[in-house]
Structures are given as C-alpha cells and as structure tokens.
Amino acid sequence: MPKKRTRKKPLPETPVKVTIESLAHDGRGVAHVEGKVIFIDEALPGEEVEFIYTDIRKDYAEGKVVNLLSRSEDRVDAQCAHYGLCGGCSFQHVEATAQIRIKQELLVDQFKRIGKVDVPELLPPLIGPHWGYRRKARMGVKYVAKKNRVLVGFRERRHPYLAEIDSCVVMHPIVGSQLTALGDMISELTIRDKIPQIEVAIGEDQCVLSFRVLEPPTDADQELMRAFGHQHNMSLCLQSKGPDTIVPLDGEPEIIPSYALPDLGIEFKFRPAMFTQVNYEINRQMITRVIDLLALNADDNVLDLFCGLGNFTLPMAKFAGTVVGIEGDQPLVNHAKENALHNNINNAEFYAADLSKDISDHPWAQRKYNKILLDPSRAGASDVLHYFKKWQPDLVVYVSCNPSTLARDTGIMVNELGYQLIKAGVMDMFPQTGHVESMAVFKRTK
C-alpha cells in the first residue's frame, strides 16, 4: 500500500513576543523560542517584536513581524508600497549606511566562522545609487483570468506566486515605472497567457525586453508590441526557446545593448540574456579598485578566471603586459573576443574551459601567472584553487557574490596554499537587498 502522506499541522495563530538577538546571513532577524531558532523577516537586532509563524521545521522556524514593540535606530520606513509582499527586496527597512555596516559585519563573521581567518584591514565600502540602479532582471509574467489582468514583476516573498505590483523602485525607471503599462499591453495580446517571463537588459542608452513566448504572436500582437516599444523607447524582442533564439519583432532592427568605462575608453557590447553586472556605477568603481589592488604594470602576466565577457579582462589589459581570460560559457568567450576587437585591445586572450573540471591539459593552464583575478559564481572557486601551486601568483584579488563561499575559499588559500589575507571589503552592488558583494586581496607568503 502507498505510504500515507502526513498532513502538516496548522501553524499557531497567536503572536509570540521575542527580542531579536542578531541577523542571519540573508538579513532576517534571529530569535529563539523554547530553544528553537526563529528567522523573522524585517526584524532588527535589539528590537522587541511580536511575530507569527509562517513555517515550522524540525530544526528551525520562520516568521514575520506583526507588532513592532521597540524600534532599532537603524530602522527606516520602506520607500516602496509593495515592500513585504514583493520578494525583490529584503532591506528597505534598514537605513542606507546601516545596510553597509551590517553587510561588513556579516562578511567579517563569515571569514572568522567558516574560513577561520581574521580580516586584518577593511577596504572602504564601494557605494553608489540606492534606487533605480538595476539594469538586468528576469521578470515574471502571469495572466490572472479572474481579474482579467496581467501581472509583471517579481515573486512574492517566500511564495511561488507573482506579486501584484505596479512599479519597482530599484529597477531603472525606464522599466521600473512601466510595469502596469507593460501588463496592460500584454493583456491585449492573443498570447497573453503564453508569456511566462521577460528578460530585461538596459544598456547606457538602450533598453531591450525579451519576451519568452510559448506560442508565436500574431501580426496584430506584433503591431501592439511594436507600438509600445516605440512609445516607451524600448526594443521588444521574442524568445521562442533558449537565449540564442532572441530576435527582434518582424521588421525591427536588432539593438545590441552596451555599457561603457569612460575613464578607460572601453565599451562593452552584450546580448540581452548574457550576464552583466546590474549596477553600472558600482561596476565602474569595482574595476578601478581591482586595477589599483593588483598594482598592474607592463611586466604582469595576469590570469582572469570566470571572466565572462571580459568585464575585468579588457580594463586590466590596458595596464598589464598580457591578460588571459577563462570562462565556461563559449558564447561569452566569443563575445569577449569581439569586445577586445571592438576596443582595439590585442594583449588579451580568451579561452573556454569548465573551471570545476580538470584543466591541466589546457595550454593556458600550463603557464605561470604572477597575478590572478577570481570572479566566480555563488558556488565559489574551490575546484580551481589547487592549480595555484603550479601558477604561483604573488597577488590574488577575489571578487565574490557569496560571502560564505569566499570565506570557505579563503580558508583554503590561507591554511593550505600559503597565502595571507591582506584586506577585504563590501560593495553595495544590490542596495535594499540582503545580497553581499565583496572583494578580498591575498599575498603569497611561501
């Protein structure tokens, strides 16, 4: 007989009073009730709150604040009317400088707890615009028949449903202020229930929206989309399958978005679905800091691991003798080569390689490099670190979007590979969210 599924107990409805002890790595408040840890949305250390349970597991529980009994000095009122419902932001209730301080404290704690390493010196935080900064996003689309309305935006916090929002204050306003208008236009299409998502790519002067379509739009649909794009200065594209199927509407020109590094005279062109940094101001500051920390000169042979479309590789090539960029995604490698040609940079090489696999047979991996830049995904770079014994870089800069894996990899570099952590710090790439972007510098000691 099939095993009977046990039904979950209903959650208690009575609010529970607690004092928030600390913050978790994702920015939620931490408290304890009868020895069990509770993670509570929008609660700050020192605050006394009443919360209700939203989930109870064997080892922990989750909750949300229903009554704020005392208020932290770090607390501010959220600027977005949809905050708390929409899952796109989790830090709008925290004052801007406090957001940075909290992220720095989190980074230091992760180094100590996971990597067993102290940070000798904190880099000054890189700070940029707090609102309207986001230029890349994947937005959900949902036709709600009962309301005869199309929702466009992000999922609800801790739920799979699309949030009912009319604007997004962290998104660049060319898109963030037009979510209702986008939904209204889509609701007039015959395929309004066949569009699950929109890929947003905003360059310096271009905005491309790629509509994932499960059925081809009619000619009338394309006319509606074309008119909307012209009215709002956007290029609307269709994506029938994977990212390589993105094409403009019939008869419309292909718009290639771009972003620039004016101080270095570099312009990057990219395809709408390709990875680029979401925050242009912080990206420029970040590149400048990497170049400064690596103290690049014409004698340097630099290896740029997880190089993407050359975001760091090409700027570094302006100062170093040679730079070799390695990336797992072949289309990104091809694009990096095109960007090198576009910018007349001829001392940068690019190769495709899966850095989680054995790379010892690759000719580029058999060379030596005196300086290395790492910019991995959230999974970190642990698989490639043991090659440092062969490459023997004197100086390493590690750019991270996940402080936990940075701390883990730091432990490997310091405790196993003979490197010293010199300094580390945070970058405010994602204000109003719990995401921590950081940078660390290492020097070889043996």
Foldseek 3Di string as FASTA:
>chain_A
DDDDDDDDDDFDPDWDKFAFAAADLFGFTWTDDPRAIETEAPHHHGWIFTWGWPADDPRHTYTYGDGTPDDDPQFDDAPFPCPQFFQPFRFSRGHQVVLFVSLFVSLQVLLCPQLVAGFPAADPAADDDQWLFFQWDKWFWAQDVVVLWIFIGGHTHPDRHRGRGQFGGRHNCLPRNCRRVVGVLLSPWPQSHFWTIWIWGAAPQATEIETAGCDDTDPVNLVSVVVVCVVSVYFYWYADDDLVRTDGRPPDDDDWGWYDLVVQQAIATDRRPFDDQGGRSLLNVVLVVVCVLQVAAADFEEEEEQQFLNSNPQSSLVHYNAYEYEHQDVVRQVSNVVRCVVRVRDRYHYDHDDLLDDPCPPPVLQEAGQEYEAEDAQQARQSNVVSCVRNVHFKYKYKYFHSNNVSNVSSCCVVPVQKDWHYKRWYPSDNSTSTTIMMTMIGHDD
